[in-house]
PDB file of N, CA and C in Angstrom:
ATOM      1  N   MET A   1      29.745 -56.830 -66.028  1.00  0.00           N
ATOM      2  CA  MET A   1      30.550 -57.660 -65.153  1.00  0.00           C
ATOM      3  C   MET A   1      30.208 -57.345 -63.692  1.00  0.00           C
ATOM      4  N   ALA A   2      30.103 -58.377 -62.913  1.00  0.00           N
ATOM      5  CA  ALA A   2      29.726 -58.226 -61.510  1.00  0.00           C
ATOM      6  C   ALA A   2      30.820 -57.516 -60.714  1.00  0.00           C
ATOM      7  N   VAL A   3      30.393 -56.725 -59.765  1.00  0.00           N
ATOM      8  CA  VAL A   3      31.325 -56.030 -58.873  1.00  0.00           C
ATOM      9  C   VAL A   3      32.048 -57.032 -57.985  1.00  0.00           C
ATOM     10  N   VAL A   4      31.327 -58.054 -57.530  1.00  0.00           N
ATOM     11  CA  VAL A   4      31.903 -59.065 -56.644  1.00  0.00           C
ATOM     12  C   VAL A   4      32.000 -60.394 -57.393  1.00  0.00           C
ATOM     13  N   SER A   5      33.219 -60.828 -57.635  1.00  0.00           N
ATOM     14  CA  SER A   5      33.448 -62.135 -58.264  1.00  0.00           C
ATOM     15  C   SER A   5      33.435 -63.212 -57.180  1.00  0.00           C
ATOM     16  N   LYS A   6      33.302 -64.449 -57.598  1.00  0.00           N
ATOM     17  CA  LYS A   6      33.326 -65.549 -56.635  1.00  0.00           C
ATOM     18  C   LYS A   6      34.695 -65.620 -55.957  1.00  0.00           C
ATOM     19  N   GLU A   7      35.741 -65.293 -56.687  1.00  0.00           N
ATOM     20  CA  GLU A   7      37.097 -65.298 -56.118  1.00  0.00           C
ATOM     21  C   GLU A   7      37.220 -64.240 -55.020  1.00  0.00           C
ATOM     22  N   TYR A   8      36.679 -63.039 -55.281  1.00  0.00           N
ATOM     23  CA  TYR A   8      36.710 -61.977 -54.270  1.00  0.00           C
ATOM     24  C   TYR A   8      35.888 -62.400 -53.051  1.00  0.00           C
ATOM     25  N   TYR A   9      34.696 -62.926 -53.312  1.00  0.00           N
ATOM     26  CA  TYR A   9      33.799 -63.338 -52.236  1.00  0.00           C
ATOM     27  C   TYR A   9      34.448 -64.402 -51.356  1.00  0.00           C
ATOM     28  N   ASN A  10      35.025 -65.436 -51.970  1.00  0.00           N
ATOM     29  CA  ASN A  10      35.645 -66.518 -51.205  1.00  0.00           C
ATOM     30  C   ASN A  10      36.975 -66.102 -50.580  1.00  0.00           C
ATOM     31  N   GLY A  11      37.788 -65.370 -51.329  1.00  0.00           N
ATOM     32  CA  GLY A  11      39.138 -65.032 -50.877  1.00  0.00           C
ATOM     33  C   GLY A  11      39.204 -63.811 -49.989  1.00  0.00           C
ATOM     34  N   THR A  12      38.966 -62.647 -50.563  1.00  0.00           N
ATOM     35  CA  THR A  12      39.102 -61.388 -49.826  1.00  0.00           C
ATOM     36  C   THR A  12      38.068 -61.269 -48.721  1.00  0.00           C
ATOM     37  N   TYR A  13      36.806 -61.531 -49.051  1.00  0.00           N
ATOM     38  CA  TYR A  13      35.733 -61.401 -48.071  1.00  0.00           C
ATOM     39  C   TYR A  13      35.686 -62.596 -47.118  1.00  0.00           C
ATOM     40  N   GLY A  14      36.013 -63.783 -47.620  1.00  0.00           N
ATOM     41  CA  GLY A  14      35.959 -64.991 -46.793  1.00  0.00           C
ATOM     42  C   GLY A  14      34.540 -65.456 -46.543  1.00  0.00           C
ATOM     43  N   GLY A  15      33.722 -65.413 -47.598  1.00  0.00           N
ATOM     44  CA  GLY A  15      32.310 -65.758 -47.474  1.00  0.00           C
ATOM     45  C   GLY A  15      32.058 -67.238 -47.259  1.00  0.00           C
ATOM     46  N   ILE A  16      30.804 -67.545 -46.943  1.00  0.00           N
ATOM     47  CA  ILE A  16      30.399 -68.937 -46.789  1.00  0.00           C
ATOM     48  C   ILE A  16      30.506 -69.646 -48.139  1.00  0.00           C
ATOM     49  N   ILE A  17      30.663 -70.938 -48.105  1.00  0.00           N
ATOM     50  CA  ILE A  17      30.839 -71.705 -49.337  1.00  0.00           C
ATOM     51  C   ILE A  17      29.492 -71.831 -50.058  1.00  0.00           C
ATOM     52  N   ILE A  18      29.472 -71.342 -51.291  1.00  0.00           N
ATOM     53  CA  ILE A  18      28.334 -71.540 -52.192  1.00  0.00           C
ATOM     54  C   ILE A  18      28.911 -72.300 -53.379  1.00  0.00           C
ATOM     55  N   SER A  19      28.728 -73.610 -53.367  1.00  0.00           N
ATOM     56  CA  SER A  19      29.418 -74.470 -54.339  1.00  0.00           C
ATOM     57  C   SER A  19      28.870 -74.352 -55.754  1.00  0.00           C
ATOM     58  N   ASP A  20      27.607 -74.061 -55.904  1.00  0.00           N
ATOM     59  CA  ASP A  20      26.991 -73.971 -57.224  1.00  0.00           C
ATOM     60  C   ASP A  20      27.313 -72.612 -57.851  1.00  0.00           C
ATOM     61  N   ASP A  21      28.138 -72.612 -58.907  1.00  0.00           N
ATOM     62  CA  ASP A  21      28.548 -71.360 -59.547  1.00  0.00           C
ATOM     63  C   ASP A  21      27.368 -70.581 -60.112  1.00  0.00           C
ATOM     64  N   THR A  22      26.410 -71.283 -60.687  1.00  0.00           N
ATOM     65  CA  THR A  22      25.243 -70.612 -61.255  1.00  0.00           C
ATOM     66  C   THR A  22      24.437 -69.924 -60.166  1.00  0.00           C
ATOM     67  N   GLU A  23      24.246 -70.603 -59.039  1.00  0.00           N
ATOM     68  CA  GLU A  23      23.527 -69.992 -57.927  1.00  0.00           C
ATOM     69  C   GLU A  23      24.279 -68.772 -57.412  1.00  0.00           C
ATOM     70  N   PHE A  24      25.618 -68.892 -57.290  1.00  0.00           N
ATOM     71  CA  PHE A  24      26.400 -67.754 -56.823  1.00  0.00           C
ATOM     72  C   PHE A  24      26.225 -66.559 -57.753  1.00  0.00           C
ATOM     73  N   GLU A  25      26.316 -66.791 -59.059  1.00  0.00           N
ATOM     74  CA  GLU A  25      26.180 -65.695 -60.027  1.00  0.00           C
ATOM     75  C   GLU A  25      24.814 -65.017 -59.906  1.00  0.00           C
ATOM     76  N   LYS A  26      23.757 -65.815 -59.750  1.00  0.00           N
ATOM     77  CA  LYS A  26      22.418 -65.247 -59.600  1.00  0.00           C
ATOM     78  C   LYS A  26      22.301 -64.444 -58.309  1.00  0.00           C
ATOM     79  N   LEU A  27      22.798 -65.016 -57.208  1.00  0.00           N
ATOM     80  CA  LEU A  27      22.739 -64.318 -55.925  1.00  0.00           C
ATOM     81  C   LEU A  27      23.575 -63.041 -55.942  1.00  0.00           C
ATOM     82  N   SER A  28      24.744 -63.109 -56.558  1.00  0.00           N
ATOM     83  CA  SER A  28      25.621 -61.948 -56.629  1.00  0.00           C
ATOM     84  C   SER A  28      24.970 -60.815 -57.426  1.00  0.00           C
ATOM     85  N   ALA A  29      24.398 -61.159 -58.566  1.00  0.00           N
ATOM     86  CA  ALA A  29      23.737 -60.143 -59.392  1.00  0.00           C
ATOM     87  C   ALA A  29      22.553 -59.532 -58.652  1.00  0.00           C
ATOM     88  N   ARG A  30      21.772 -60.371 -57.985  1.00  0.00           N
ATOM     89  CA  ARG A  30      20.605 -59.868 -57.267  1.00  0.00           C
ATOM     90  C   ARG A  30      21.033 -59.033 -56.071  1.00  0.00           C
ATOM     91  N   ALA A  31      22.060 -59.484 -55.336  1.00  0.00           N
ATOM     92  CA  ALA A  31      22.554 -58.726 -54.184  1.00  0.00           C
ATOM     93  C   ALA A  31      23.058 -57.359 -54.619  1.00  0.00           C
ATOM     94  N   GLU A  32      23.787 -57.311 -55.720  1.00  0.00           N
ATOM     95  CA  GLU A  32      24.285 -56.028 -56.225  1.00  0.00           C
ATOM     96  C   GLU A  32      23.116 -55.112 -56.594  1.00  0.00           C
ATOM     97  N   GLY A  33      22.092 -55.669 -57.205  1.00  0.00           N
ATOM     98  CA  GLY A  33      20.919 -54.869 -57.549  1.00  0.00           C
ATOM     99  C   GLY A  33      20.205 -54.318 -56.325  1.00  0.00           C
ATOM    100  N   ILE A  34      20.102 -55.132 -55.285  1.00  0.00           N
ATOM    101  CA  ILE A  34      19.452 -54.692 -54.051  1.00  0.00           C
ATOM    102  C   ILE A  34      20.262 -53.565 -53.394  1.00  0.00           C
ATOM    103  N   ILE A  35      21.572 -53.750 -53.319  1.00  0.00           N
ATOM    104  CA  ILE A  35      22.436 -52.716 -52.725  1.00  0.00           C
ATOM    105  C   ILE A  35      22.371 -51.443 -53.556  1.00  0.00           C
ATOM    106  N   ASP A  36      22.391 -51.572 -54.877  1.00  0.00           N
ATOM    107  CA  ASP A  36      22.278 -50.391 -55.743  1.00  0.00           C
ATOM    108  C   ASP A  36      20.955 -49.662 -55.528  1.00  0.00           C
ATOM    109  N   ALA A  37      19.865 -50.421 -55.448  1.00  0.00           N
ATOM    110  CA  ALA A  37      18.550 -49.806 -55.247  1.00  0.00           C
ATOM    111  C   ALA A  37      18.490 -49.102 -53.894  1.00  0.00           C
ATOM    112  N   PHE A  38      19.040 -49.742 -52.871  1.00  0.00           N
ATOM    113  CA  PHE A  38      19.068 -49.105 -51.552  1.00  0.00           C
ATOM    114  C   PHE A  38      19.894 -47.827 -51.600  1.00  0.00           C
ATOM    115  N   ALA A  39      21.070 -47.892 -52.203  1.00  0.00           N
ATOM    116  CA  ALA A  39      21.932 -46.706 -52.288  1.00  0.00           C
ATOM    117  C   ALA A  39      21.222 -45.584 -53.047  1.00  0.00           C
ATOM    118  N   GLN A  40      20.574 -45.947 -54.140  1.00  0.00           N
ATOM    119  CA  GLN A  40      19.884 -44.935 -54.929  1.00  0.00           C
ATOM    120  C   GLN A  40      18.768 -44.276 -54.125  1.00  0.00           C
ATOM    121  N   SER A  41      18.140 -45.028 -53.235  1.00  0.00           N
ATOM    122  CA  SER A  41      17.072 -44.459 -52.409  1.00  0.00           C
ATOM    123  C   SER A  41      17.619 -43.499 -51.351  1.00  0.00           C
ATOM    124  N   GLU A  42      18.892 -43.591 -51.069  1.00  0.00           N
ATOM    125  CA  GLU A  42      19.502 -42.791 -50.004  1.00  0.00           C
ATOM    126  C   GLU A  42      20.421 -41.681 -50.490  1.00  0.00           C
ATOM    127  N   VAL A  43      20.775 -41.684 -51.754  1.00  0.00           N
ATOM    128  CA  VAL A  43      21.769 -40.743 -52.252  1.00  0.00           C
ATOM    129  C   VAL A  43      21.074 -39.532 -52.889  1.00  0.00           C
ATOM    130  N   LEU A  44      21.749 -38.414 -52.853  1.00  0.00           N
ATOM    131  CA  LEU A  44      21.249 -37.233 -53.548  1.00  0.00           C
ATOM    132  C   LEU A  44      21.129 -37.563 -55.039  1.00  0.00           C
ATOM    133  N   ASN A  45      20.006 -37.246 -55.647  1.00  0.00           N
ATOM    134  CA  ASN A  45      19.757 -37.626 -57.043  1.00  0.00           C
ATOM    135  C   ASN A  45      20.887 -37.241 -57.980  1.00  0.00           C
ATOM    136  N   TRP A  46      21.396 -36.041 -57.856  1.00  0.00           N
ATOM    137  CA  TRP A  46      22.429 -35.577 -58.776  1.00  0.00           C
ATOM    138  C   TRP A  46      23.814 -36.129 -58.436  1.00  0.00           C
ATOM    139  N   LYS A  47      23.904 -36.911 -57.387  1.00  0.00           N
ATOM    140  CA  LYS A  47      25.184 -37.498 -56.988  1.00  0.00           C
ATOM    141  C   LYS A  47      25.240 -39.006 -57.246  1.00  0.00           C
ATOM    142  N   TYR A  48      24.199 -39.599 -57.843  1.00  0.00           N
ATOM    143  CA  TYR A  48      24.172 -41.049 -58.036  1.00  0.00           C
ATOM    144  C   TYR A  48      25.334 -41.531 -58.899  1.00  0.00           C
ATOM    145  N   ALA A  49      25.755 -40.739 -59.863  1.00  0.00           N
ATOM    146  CA  ALA A  49      26.895 -41.122 -60.708  1.00  0.00           C
ATOM    147  C   ALA A  49      28.153 -41.311 -59.863  1.00  0.00           C
ATOM    148  N   GLU A  50      28.298 -40.530 -58.815  1.00  0.00           N
ATOM    149  CA  GLU A  50      29.448 -40.681 -57.919  1.00  0.00           C
ATOM    150  C   GLU A  50      29.400 -42.034 -57.206  1.00  0.00           C
ATOM    151  N   TYR A  51      28.207 -42.454 -56.807  1.00  0.00           N
ATOM    152  CA  TYR A  51      28.071 -43.772 -56.177  1.00  0.00           C
ATOM    153  C   TYR A  51      28.432 -44.879 -57.164  1.00  0.00           C
ATOM    154  N   THR A  52      27.920 -44.812 -58.375  1.00  0.00           N
ATOM    155  CA  THR A  52      28.176 -45.887 -59.335  1.00  0.00           C
ATOM    156  C   THR A  52      29.672 -45.978 -59.655  1.00  0.00           C
ATOM    157  N   ALA A  53      30.371 -44.860 -59.632  1.00  0.00           N
ATOM    158  CA  ALA A  53      31.821 -44.889 -59.848  1.00  0.00           C
ATOM    159  C   ALA A  53      32.540 -45.512 -58.651  1.00  0.00           C
ATOM    160  N   LEU A  54      31.993 -45.328 -57.464  1.00  0.00           N
ATOM    161  CA  LEU A  54      32.604 -45.848 -56.237  1.00  0.00           C
ATOM    162  C   LEU A  54      32.462 -47.351 -56.088  1.00  0.00           C
ATOM    163  N   LYS A  55      31.348 -47.903 -56.526  1.00  0.00           N
ATOM    164  CA  LYS A  55      31.021 -49.275 -56.152  1.00  0.00           C
ATOM    165  C   LYS A  55      32.010 -50.303 -56.689  1.00  0.00           C
ATOM    166  N   ASP A  56      32.694 -50.003 -57.780  1.00  0.00           N
ATOM    167  CA  ASP A  56      33.668 -50.946 -58.319  1.00  0.00           C
ATOM    168  C   ASP A  56      34.965 -50.981 -57.511  1.00  0.00           C
ATOM    169  N   ILE A  57      35.218 -49.939 -56.737  1.00  0.00           N
ATOM    170  CA  ILE A  57      36.504 -49.865 -56.033  1.00  0.00           C
ATOM    171  C   ILE A  57      36.384 -49.783 -54.522  1.00  0.00           C
ATOM    172  N   ASP A  58      35.245 -49.405 -53.997  1.00  0.00           N
ATOM    173  CA  ASP A  58      35.106 -49.202 -52.560  1.00  0.00           C
ATOM    174  C   ASP A  58      34.907 -50.532 -51.835  1.00  0.00           C
ATOM    175  N   ALA A  59      35.798 -50.821 -50.906  1.00  0.00           N
ATOM    176  CA  ALA A  59      35.747 -52.092 -50.178  1.00  0.00           C
ATOM    177  C   ALA A  59      34.475 -52.240 -49.354  1.00  0.00           C
ATOM    178  N   LYS A  60      33.953 -51.146 -48.796  1.00  0.00           N
ATOM    179  CA  LYS A  60      32.734 -51.236 -47.990  1.00  0.00           C
ATOM    180  C   LYS A  60      31.521 -51.577 -48.856  1.00  0.00           C
ATOM    181  N   ILE A  61      31.486 -51.056 -50.070  1.00  0.00           N
ATOM    182  CA  ILE A  61      30.385 -51.389 -50.982  1.00  0.00           C
ATOM    183  C   ILE A  61      30.492 -52.857 -51.376  1.00  0.00           C
ATOM    184  N   LYS A  62      31.699 -53.320 -51.688  1.00  0.00           N
ATOM    185  CA  LYS A  62      31.887 -54.734 -52.022  1.00  0.00           C
ATOM    186  C   LYS A  62      31.515 -55.622 -50.830  1.00  0.00           C
ATOM    187  N   THR A  63      31.882 -55.200 -49.633  1.00  0.00           N
ATOM    188  CA  THR A  63      31.524 -55.951 -48.431  1.00  0.00           C
ATOM    189  C   THR A  63      30.010 -55.987 -48.270  1.00  0.00           C
ATOM    190  N   ALA A  64      29.347 -54.866 -48.518  1.00  0.00           N
ATOM    191  CA  ALA A  64      27.885 -54.822 -48.418  1.00  0.00           C
ATOM    192  C   ALA A  64      27.253 -55.814 -49.394  1.00  0.00           C
ATOM    193  N   ILE A  65      27.777 -55.895 -50.599  1.00  0.00           N
ATOM    194  CA  ILE A  65      27.256 -56.843 -51.588  1.00  0.00           C
ATOM    195  C   ILE A  65      27.485 -58.273 -51.104  1.00  0.00           C
ATOM    196  N   CYS A  66      28.661 -58.548 -50.559  1.00  0.00           N
ATOM    197  CA  CYS A  66      28.945 -59.885 -50.021  1.00  0.00           C
ATOM    198  C   CYS A  66      28.007 -60.223 -48.867  1.00  0.00           C
ATOM    199  N   GLN A  67      27.766 -59.270 -47.987  1.00  0.00           N
ATOM    200  CA  GLN A  67      26.855 -59.497 -46.865  1.00  0.00           C
ATOM    201  C   GLN A  67      25.450 -59.788 -47.381  1.00  0.00           C
ATOM    202  N   GLU A  68      25.063 -59.089 -48.433  1.00  0.00           N
ATOM    203  CA  GLU A  68      23.732 -59.308 -48.999  1.00  0.00           C
ATOM    204  C   GLU A  68      23.647 -60.675 -49.685  1.00  0.00           C
ATOM    205  N   ILE A  69      24.720 -61.116 -50.316  1.00  0.00           N
ATOM    206  CA  ILE A  69      24.755 -62.465 -50.901  1.00  0.00           C
ATOM    207  C   ILE A  69      24.464 -63.491 -49.811  1.00  0.00           C
ATOM    208  N   GLU A  70      25.096 -63.330 -48.658  1.00  0.00           N
ATOM    209  CA  GLU A  70      24.903 -64.281 -47.563  1.00  0.00           C
ATOM    210  C   GLU A  70      23.484 -64.230 -47.003  1.00  0.00           C
ATOM    211  N   VAL A  71      22.919 -63.038 -46.887  1.00  0.00           N
ATOM    212  CA  VAL A  71      21.538 -62.935 -46.410  1.00  0.00           C
ATOM    213  C   VAL A  71      20.603 -63.646 -47.383  1.00  0.00           C
ATOM    214  N   LEU A  72      20.785 -63.412 -48.665  1.00  0.00           N
ATOM    215  CA  LEU A  72      19.937 -64.075 -49.655  1.00  0.00           C
ATOM    216  C   LEU A  72      20.129 -65.587 -49.601  1.00  0.00           C
ATOM    217  N   TYR A  73      21.373 -66.022 -49.504  1.00  0.00           N
ATOM    218  CA  TYR A  73      21.660 -67.455 -49.455  1.00  0.00           C
ATOM    219  C   TYR A  73      20.983 -68.106 -48.244  1.00  0.00           C
ATOM    220  N   HIS A  74      21.103 -67.460 -47.084  1.00  0.00           N
ATOM    221  CA  HIS A  74      20.514 -68.010 -45.860  1.00  0.00           C
ATOM    222  C   HIS A  74      18.998 -67.837 -45.812  1.00  0.00           C
ATOM    223  N   SER A  75      18.465 -67.034 -46.712  1.00  0.00           N
ATOM    224  CA  SER A  75      17.015 -66.813 -46.772  1.00  0.00           C
ATOM    225  C   SER A  75      16.400 -67.615 -47.911  1.00  0.00           C
ATOM    226  N   ASN A  76      16.970 -68.792 -48.149  1.00  0.00           N
ATOM    227  CA  ASN A  76      16.460 -69.708 -49.163  1.00  0.00           C
ATOM    228  C   ASN A  76      16.848 -69.314 -50.577  1.00  0.00           C
ATOM    229  N   GLY A  77      18.002 -68.694 -50.725  1.00  0.00           N
ATOM    230  CA  GLY A  77      18.516 -68.390 -52.058  1.00  0.00           C
ATOM    231  C   GLY A  77      17.612 -67.471 -52.847  1.00  0.00           C
ATOM    232  N   MET A  78      17.404 -67.799 -54.108  1.00  0.00           N
ATOM    233  CA  MET A  78      16.627 -66.941 -54.984  1.00  0.00           C
ATOM    234  C   MET A  78      15.164 -66.854 -54.563  1.00  0.00           C
ATOM    235  N   GLN A  79      14.695 -67.776 -53.739  1.00  0.00           N
ATOM    236  CA  GLN A  79      13.318 -67.666 -53.249  1.00  0.00           C
ATOM    237  C   GLN A  79      13.140 -66.411 -52.410  1.00  0.00           C
ATOM    238  N   ALA A  80      14.230 -65.914 -51.844  1.00  0.00           N
ATOM    239  CA  ALA A  80      14.153 -64.697 -51.033  1.00  0.00           C
ATOM    240  C   ALA A  80      13.709 -63.503 -51.873  1.00  0.00           C
ATOM    241  N   VAL A  81      14.035 -63.500 -53.155  1.00  0.00           N
ATOM    242  CA  VAL A  81      13.671 -62.364 -54.000  1.00  0.00           C
ATOM    243  C   VAL A  81      12.427 -62.627 -54.825  1.00  0.00           C
ATOM    244  N   THR A  82      11.919 -63.849 -54.764  1.00  0.00           N
ATOM    245  CA  THR A  82      10.678 -64.146 -55.478  1.00  0.00           C
ATOM    246  C   THR A  82       9.517 -64.314 -54.523  1.00  0.00           C
ATOM    247  N   GLY A  83       9.754 -64.058 -53.248  1.00  0.00           N
ATOM    248  CA  GLY A  83       8.678 -64.068 -52.267  1.00  0.00           C
ATOM    249  C   GLY A  83       8.429 -65.406 -51.603  1.00  0.00           C
ATOM    250  N   GLY A  84       9.294 -66.388 -51.808  1.00  0.00           N
ATOM    251  CA  GLY A  84       9.050 -67.710 -51.255  1.00  0.00           C
ATOM    252  C   GLY A  84       9.888 -68.056 -50.048  1.00  0.00           C
ATOM    253  N   ALA A  85      10.477 -67.093 -49.389  1.00  0.00           N
ATOM    254  CA  ALA A  85      11.360 -67.406 -48.264  1.00  0.00           C
ATOM    255  C   ALA A  85      10.859 -66.765 -46.978  1.00  0.00           C
ATOM    256  N   ASP A  86      11.161 -67.423 -45.883  1.00  0.00           N
ATOM    257  CA  ASP A  86      10.915 -66.853 -44.567  1.00  0.00           C
ATOM    258  C   ASP A  86      12.213 -66.176 -44.154  1.00  0.00           C
ATOM    259  N   CYS A  87      12.204 -64.869 -44.133  1.00  0.00           N
ATOM    260  CA  CYS A  87      13.430 -64.121 -43.882  1.00  0.00           C
ATOM    261  C   CYS A  87      13.640 -63.789 -42.417  1.00  0.00           C
ATOM    262  N   GLY A  88      12.744 -64.219 -41.555  1.00  0.00           N
ATOM    263  CA  GLY A  88      12.929 -64.040 -40.123  1.00  0.00           C
ATOM    264  C   GLY A  88      13.117 -62.593 -39.709  1.00  0.00           C
ATOM    265  N   GLN A  89      14.185 -62.319 -38.965  1.00  0.00           N
ATOM    266  CA  GLN A  89      14.442 -61.003 -38.396  1.00  0.00           C
ATOM    267  C   GLN A  89      15.174 -60.048 -39.331  1.00  0.00           C
ATOM    268  N   VAL A  90      15.349 -60.424 -40.578  1.00  0.00           N
ATOM    269  CA  VAL A  90      16.085 -59.576 -41.519  1.00  0.00           C
ATOM    270  C   VAL A  90      15.251 -58.357 -41.880  1.00  0.00           C
ATOM    271  N   GLU A  91      15.879 -57.210 -41.941  1.00  0.00           N
ATOM    272  CA  GLU A  91      15.202 -55.985 -42.356  1.00  0.00           C
ATOM    273  C   GLU A  91      14.797 -56.110 -43.822  1.00  0.00           C
ATOM    274  N   MET A  92      13.619 -55.625 -44.161  1.00  0.00           N
ATOM    275  CA  MET A  92      13.138 -55.728 -45.532  1.00  0.00           C
ATOM    276  C   MET A  92      13.298 -54.395 -46.246  1.00  0.00           C
ATOM    277  N   PHE A  93      13.638 -54.473 -47.521  1.00  0.00           N
ATOM    278  CA  PHE A  93      13.749 -53.293 -48.375  1.00  0.00           C
ATOM    279  C   PHE A  93      13.145 -53.661 -49.721  1.00  0.00           C
ATOM    280  N   GLY A  94      12.082 -53.004 -50.089  1.00  0.00           N
ATOM    281  CA  GLY A  94      11.442 -53.294 -51.367  1.00  0.00           C
ATOM    282  C   GLY A  94      10.938 -54.721 -51.477  1.00  0.00           C
ATOM    283  N   GLY A  95      10.563 -55.316 -50.353  1.00  0.00           N
ATOM    284  CA  GLY A  95      10.030 -56.665 -50.355  1.00  0.00           C
ATOM    285  C   GLY A  95      11.071 -57.769 -50.340  1.00  0.00           C
ATOM    286  N   VAL A  96      12.334 -57.425 -50.224  1.00  0.00           N
ATOM    287  CA  VAL A  96      13.400 -58.431 -50.160  1.00  0.00           C
ATOM    288  C   VAL A  96      14.255 -58.188 -48.923  1.00  0.00           C
ATOM    289  N   PRO A  97      14.919 -59.231 -48.414  1.00  0.00           N
ATOM    290  CA  PRO A  97      15.749 -59.051 -47.221  1.00  0.00           C
ATOM    291  C   PRO A  97      16.969 -58.190 -47.510  1.00  0.00           C
ATOM    292  N   LEU A  98      17.300 -57.324 -46.566  1.00  0.00           N
ATOM    293  CA  LEU A  98      18.482 -56.475 -46.668  1.00  0.00           C
ATOM    294  C   LEU A  98      19.313 -56.669 -45.415  1.00  0.00           C
ATOM    295  N   ALA A  99      20.564 -57.047 -45.577  1.00  0.00           N
ATOM    296  CA  ALA A  99      21.461 -57.230 -44.441  1.00  0.00           C
ATOM    297  C   ALA A  99      21.638 -55.887 -43.731  1.00  0.00           C
ATOM    298  N   VAL A 100      21.386 -55.867 -42.442  1.00  0.00           N
ATOM    299  CA  VAL A 100      21.520 -54.632 -41.677  1.00  0.00           C
ATOM    300  C   VAL A 100      22.960 -54.122 -41.761  1.00  0.00           C
ATOM    301  N   THR A 101      23.927 -55.019 -41.693  1.00  0.00           N
ATOM    302  CA  THR A 101      25.330 -54.601 -41.789  1.00  0.00           C
ATOM    303  C   THR A 101      25.640 -54.044 -43.178  1.00  0.00           C
ATOM    304  N   ALA A 102      25.015 -54.589 -44.207  1.00  0.00           N
ATOM    305  CA  ALA A 102      25.210 -54.060 -45.560  1.00  0.00           C
ATOM    306  C   ALA A 102      24.658 -52.643 -45.641  1.00  0.00           C
ATOM    307  N   LYS A 103      23.475 -52.459 -45.073  1.00  0.00           N
ATOM    308  CA  LYS A 103      22.857 -51.128 -45.050  1.00  0.00           C
ATOM    309  C   LYS A 103      23.779 -50.126 -44.357  1.00  0.00           C
ATOM    310  N   GLN A 104      24.341 -50.520 -43.221  1.00  0.00           N
ATOM    311  CA  GLN A 104      25.236 -49.625 -42.486  1.00  0.00           C
ATOM    312  C   GLN A 104      26.484 -49.286 -43.291  1.00  0.00           C
ATOM    313  N   ASN A 105      27.052 -50.278 -43.989  1.00  0.00           N
ATOM    314  CA  ASN A 105      28.239 -50.026 -44.813  1.00  0.00           C
ATOM    315  C   ASN A 105      27.937 -49.039 -45.929  1.00  0.00           C
ATOM    316  N   VAL A 106      26.810 -49.229 -46.611  1.00  0.00           N
ATOM    317  CA  VAL A 106      26.442 -48.333 -47.707  1.00  0.00           C
ATOM    318  C   VAL A 106      26.228 -46.918 -47.185  1.00  0.00           C
ATOM    319  N   LEU A 107      25.479 -46.785 -46.098  1.00  0.00           N
ATOM    320  CA  LEU A 107      25.225 -45.458 -45.535  1.00  0.00           C
ATOM    321  C   LEU A 107      26.521 -44.777 -45.108  1.00  0.00           C
ATOM    322  N   GLN A 108      27.444 -45.538 -44.551  1.00  0.00           N
ATOM    323  CA  GLN A 108      28.720 -44.957 -44.130  1.00  0.00           C
ATOM    324  C   GLN A 108      29.491 -44.419 -45.328  1.00  0.00           C
ATOM    325  N   VAL A 109      29.524 -45.169 -46.422  1.00  0.00           N
ATOM    326  CA  VAL A 109      30.223 -44.703 -47.628  1.00  0.00           C
ATOM    327  C   VAL A 109      29.563 -43.438 -48.172  1.00  0.00           C
ATOM    328  N   LEU A 110      28.240 -43.450 -48.258  1.00  0.00           N
ATOM    329  CA  LEU A 110      27.532 -42.281 -48.793  1.00  0.00           C
ATOM    330  C   LEU A 110      27.773 -41.051 -47.925  1.00  0.00           C
ATOM    331  N   LEU A 111      27.805 -41.248 -46.609  1.00  0.00           N
ATOM    332  CA  LEU A 111      28.067 -40.142 -45.689  1.00  0.00           C
ATOM    333  C   LEU A 111      29.505 -39.644 -45.832  1.00  0.00           C
ATOM    334  N   GLU A 112      30.462 -40.573 -45.879  1.00  0.00           N
ATOM    335  CA  GLU A 112      31.874 -40.195 -46.016  1.00  0.00           C
ATOM    336  C   GLU A 112      32.131 -39.425 -47.306  1.00  0.00           C
ATOM    337  N   LYS A 113      31.431 -39.790 -48.372  1.00  0.00           N
ATOM    338  CA  LYS A 113      31.643 -39.150 -49.679  1.00  0.00           C
ATOM    339  C   LYS A 113      30.746 -37.932 -49.870  1.00  0.00           C
ATOM    340  N   ASN A 114      29.969 -37.602 -48.824  1.00  0.00           N
ATOM    341  CA  ASN A 114      29.080 -36.445 -48.831  1.00  0.00           C
ATOM    342  C   ASN A 114      28.051 -36.499 -49.968  1.00  0.00           C
ATOM    343  N   ILE A 115      27.524 -37.696 -50.209  1.00  0.00           N
ATOM    344  CA  ILE A 115      26.481 -37.834 -51.227  1.00  0.00           C
ATOM    345  C   ILE A 115      25.202 -38.431 -50.647  1.00  0.00           C
ATOM    346  N   LEU A 116      25.133 -38.523 -49.323  1.00  0.00           N
ATOM    347  CA  LEU A 116      23.954 -39.041 -48.642  1.00  0.00           C
ATOM    348  C   LEU A 116      22.878 -37.970 -48.562  1.00  0.00           C
ATOM    349  N   TYR A 117      21.659 -38.308 -48.947  1.00  0.00           N
ATOM    350  CA  TYR A 117      20.535 -37.398 -48.823  1.00  0.00           C
ATOM    351  C   TYR A 117      20.118 -37.365 -47.361  1.00  0.00           C
ATOM    352  N   LYS A 118      20.089 -36.199 -46.778  1.00  0.00           N
ATOM    353  CA  LYS A 118      19.777 -36.062 -45.357  1.00  0.00           C
ATOM    354  C   LYS A 118      18.417 -35.431 -45.116  1.00  0.00           C
ATOM    355  N   GLY A 119      17.619 -35.298 -46.158  1.00  0.00           N
ATOM    356  CA  GLY A 119      16.289 -34.709 -46.012  1.00  0.00           C
ATOM    357  C   GLY A 119      16.288 -33.218 -46.257  1.00  0.00           C
ATOM    358  N   ALA A 120      15.095 -32.688 -46.415  1.00  0.00           N
ATOM    359  CA  ALA A 120      14.958 -31.263 -46.715  1.00  0.00           C
ATOM    360  C   ALA A 120      15.110 -30.406 -45.498  1.00  0.00           C
TER     361      ALA A 120
END
């Protein structure tokens, strides 16, 4: 089950209107995967389980996923993750656009929970 439902995205987050439910589901799943991959790249390896437990309840993680949904949507939808979109000034992570604000939210949560990898 997705961390961010369309109801949460439209209601709590107040996201842009994505009328096609199928497109929303695809974007939401992909956005969650991108945020998870980014978090995993930044978290201490032995603390990743703590992140996965947080993502279902932490508002900043949910906000990061919503922000990433919007970046993907504005970057030509699913073409953004298949290489067919012009992502402009968006920061790239693993070949896909990553919302800078989403990145900041994830890093803040990891830092607050003391699970951020800070280097050797």
